């Protein structure tokens, strides 16, 4: 095997330059596509966060409204619960004095 003395420099062929140019172009295209996808993903996350905040606000409003609405207490009304099928059990009718 011979040692390379450095005098002979291989020519840059057109294929090497063309492959370098295509590789650089592919890298730029990949970076551009990645930037577009990153913006799209960020926008999607913002929409999801906005929808979640609306959902939480509606849930908080529903809970607050449920707490404030109370049934009027009427001494003439008794409570009845369905225990299955057509069977009901009444409470409070025997507590009247």
Protein backbone atom coordinates (compact mmCIF):
# COMPACT_ATOMS: atom_id res chain seq x y z
CA UNK A 1 0.00 0.00 0.00
CA UNK A 2 1.33 3.40 -0.91
CA UNK A 3 1.32 6.38 1.30
CA UNK A 4 -0.44 9.45 -0.05
CA UNK A 5 1.96 12.30 -0.36
CA UNK A 6 -0.59 15.05 -0.68
CA UNK A 7 0.43 16.15 -4.14
CA UNK A 8 -2.51 14.59 -5.89
CA UNK A 9 -5.86 16.19 -5.10
CA UNK A 10 -8.95 14.48 -6.42
CA UNK A 11 -11.13 16.62 -8.61
CA UNK A 12 -14.48 17.70 -7.29
CA UNK A 13 -16.82 15.94 -9.60
CA UNK A 14 -20.17 17.33 -10.63
CA UNK A 15 -21.89 14.48 -8.80
CA UNK A 16 -20.28 15.41 -5.51
CA UNK A 17 -21.32 19.05 -5.86
CA UNK A 18 -24.81 18.05 -6.95
CA UNK A 19 -25.23 15.64 -4.03
CA UNK A 20 -24.01 18.31 -1.60
CA UNK A 21 -26.50 20.80 -3.06
CA UNK A 22 -29.41 18.30 -2.89
CA UNK A 23 -28.46 17.42 0.69
CA UNK A 24 -28.43 21.09 1.70
CA UNK A 25 -31.76 21.64 -0.03
CA UNK A 26 -33.27 18.64 1.79
CA UNK A 27 -32.00 19.98 5.12
CA UNK A 28 -33.54 23.39 4.49
CA UNK A 29 -36.84 21.77 3.46
CA UNK A 30 -36.83 19.61 6.61
CA UNK A 31 -36.19 22.66 8.80
CA UNK A 32 -39.03 24.57 7.12
CA UNK A 33 -41.46 21.68 7.53
CA UNK A 34 -40.43 21.31 11.20
CA UNK A 35 -41.06 25.02 11.78
CA UNK A 36 -44.53 24.82 10.21
CA UNK A 37 -45.38 21.73 12.28
CA UNK A 38 -44.16 23.42 15.46
CA UNK A 39 -46.39 26.43 14.83
CA UNK A 40 -49.34 24.15 14.05
CA UNK A 41 -48.76 22.12 17.24
CA UNK A 42 -48.50 25.29 19.34
CA UNK A 43 -51.74 26.61 17.87
CA UNK A 44 -53.44 23.29 18.56
CA UNK A 45 -52.30 23.36 22.17
CA UNK A 46 -53.63 26.91 22.56
CA UNK A 47 -57.04 25.86 21.23
CA UNK A 48 -57.13 22.86 23.60
CA UNK A 49 -56.16 25.07 26.56
CA UNK A 50 -58.86 27.60 25.62
CA UNK A 51 -61.51 24.88 25.37
CA UNK A 52 -60.42 23.41 28.72
CA UNK A 53 -60.67 26.79 30.42
CA UNK A 54 -64.19 27.27 29.02
CA UNK A 55 -65.13 23.80 30.26
CA UNK A 56 -63.79 24.53 33.74
CA UNK A 57 -65.61 27.88 33.85
CA UNK A 58 -68.90 26.22 32.87
CA UNK A 59 -68.39 23.48 35.47
CA UNK A 60 -67.67 26.04 38.18
CA UNK A 61 -70.76 28.00 37.21
CA UNK A 62 -72.89 24.86 37.31
CA UNK A 63 -71.59 23.89 40.75
CA UNK A 64 -72.17 27.41 42.06
CA UNK A 65 -75.70 27.47 40.64
CA UNK A 66 -76.46 24.07 42.13
CA UNK A 67 -75.36 25.21 45.57
CA UNK A 68 -77.45 28.36 45.50
CA UNK A 69 -80.68 26.69 44.36
CA UNK A 70 -82.47 25.12 47.31
CA UNK A 71 -85.88 23.54 47.34
CA UNK A 72 -88.38 25.47 49.44
CA UNK A 73 -89.10 23.71 52.69
CA UNK A 74 -92.83 23.20 53.01
CA UNK A 75 -94.09 21.41 56.13
CA UNK A 76 -96.95 19.84 54.12
CA UNK A 77 -94.63 18.03 51.68
CA UNK A 78 -93.21 14.63 52.56
CA UNK A 79 -90.19 12.99 50.97
CA UNK A 80 -90.53 9.78 48.97
CA UNK A 81 -87.83 7.63 47.40
CA UNK A 82 -88.07 4.97 44.75
CA UNK A 83 -86.71 1.69 46.12
CA UNK A 84 -87.08 -0.24 42.88
CA UNK A 85 -89.75 -0.87 40.31
CA UNK A 86 -93.06 0.62 41.40
CA UNK A 87 -92.20 0.65 45.13
CA UNK A 88 -91.83 3.92 47.00
CA UNK A 89 -90.94 4.68 50.61
CA UNK A 90 -92.18 7.91 52.20
CA UNK A 91 -90.26 9.76 54.90
CA UNK A 92 -91.33 12.56 57.17
CA UNK A 93 -95.05 11.80 57.41
CA UNK A 94 -94.70 10.31 60.89
CA UNK A 95 -92.61 13.21 62.28
CA UNK A 96 -95.51 15.66 62.37
CA UNK A 97 -96.76 16.55 65.83
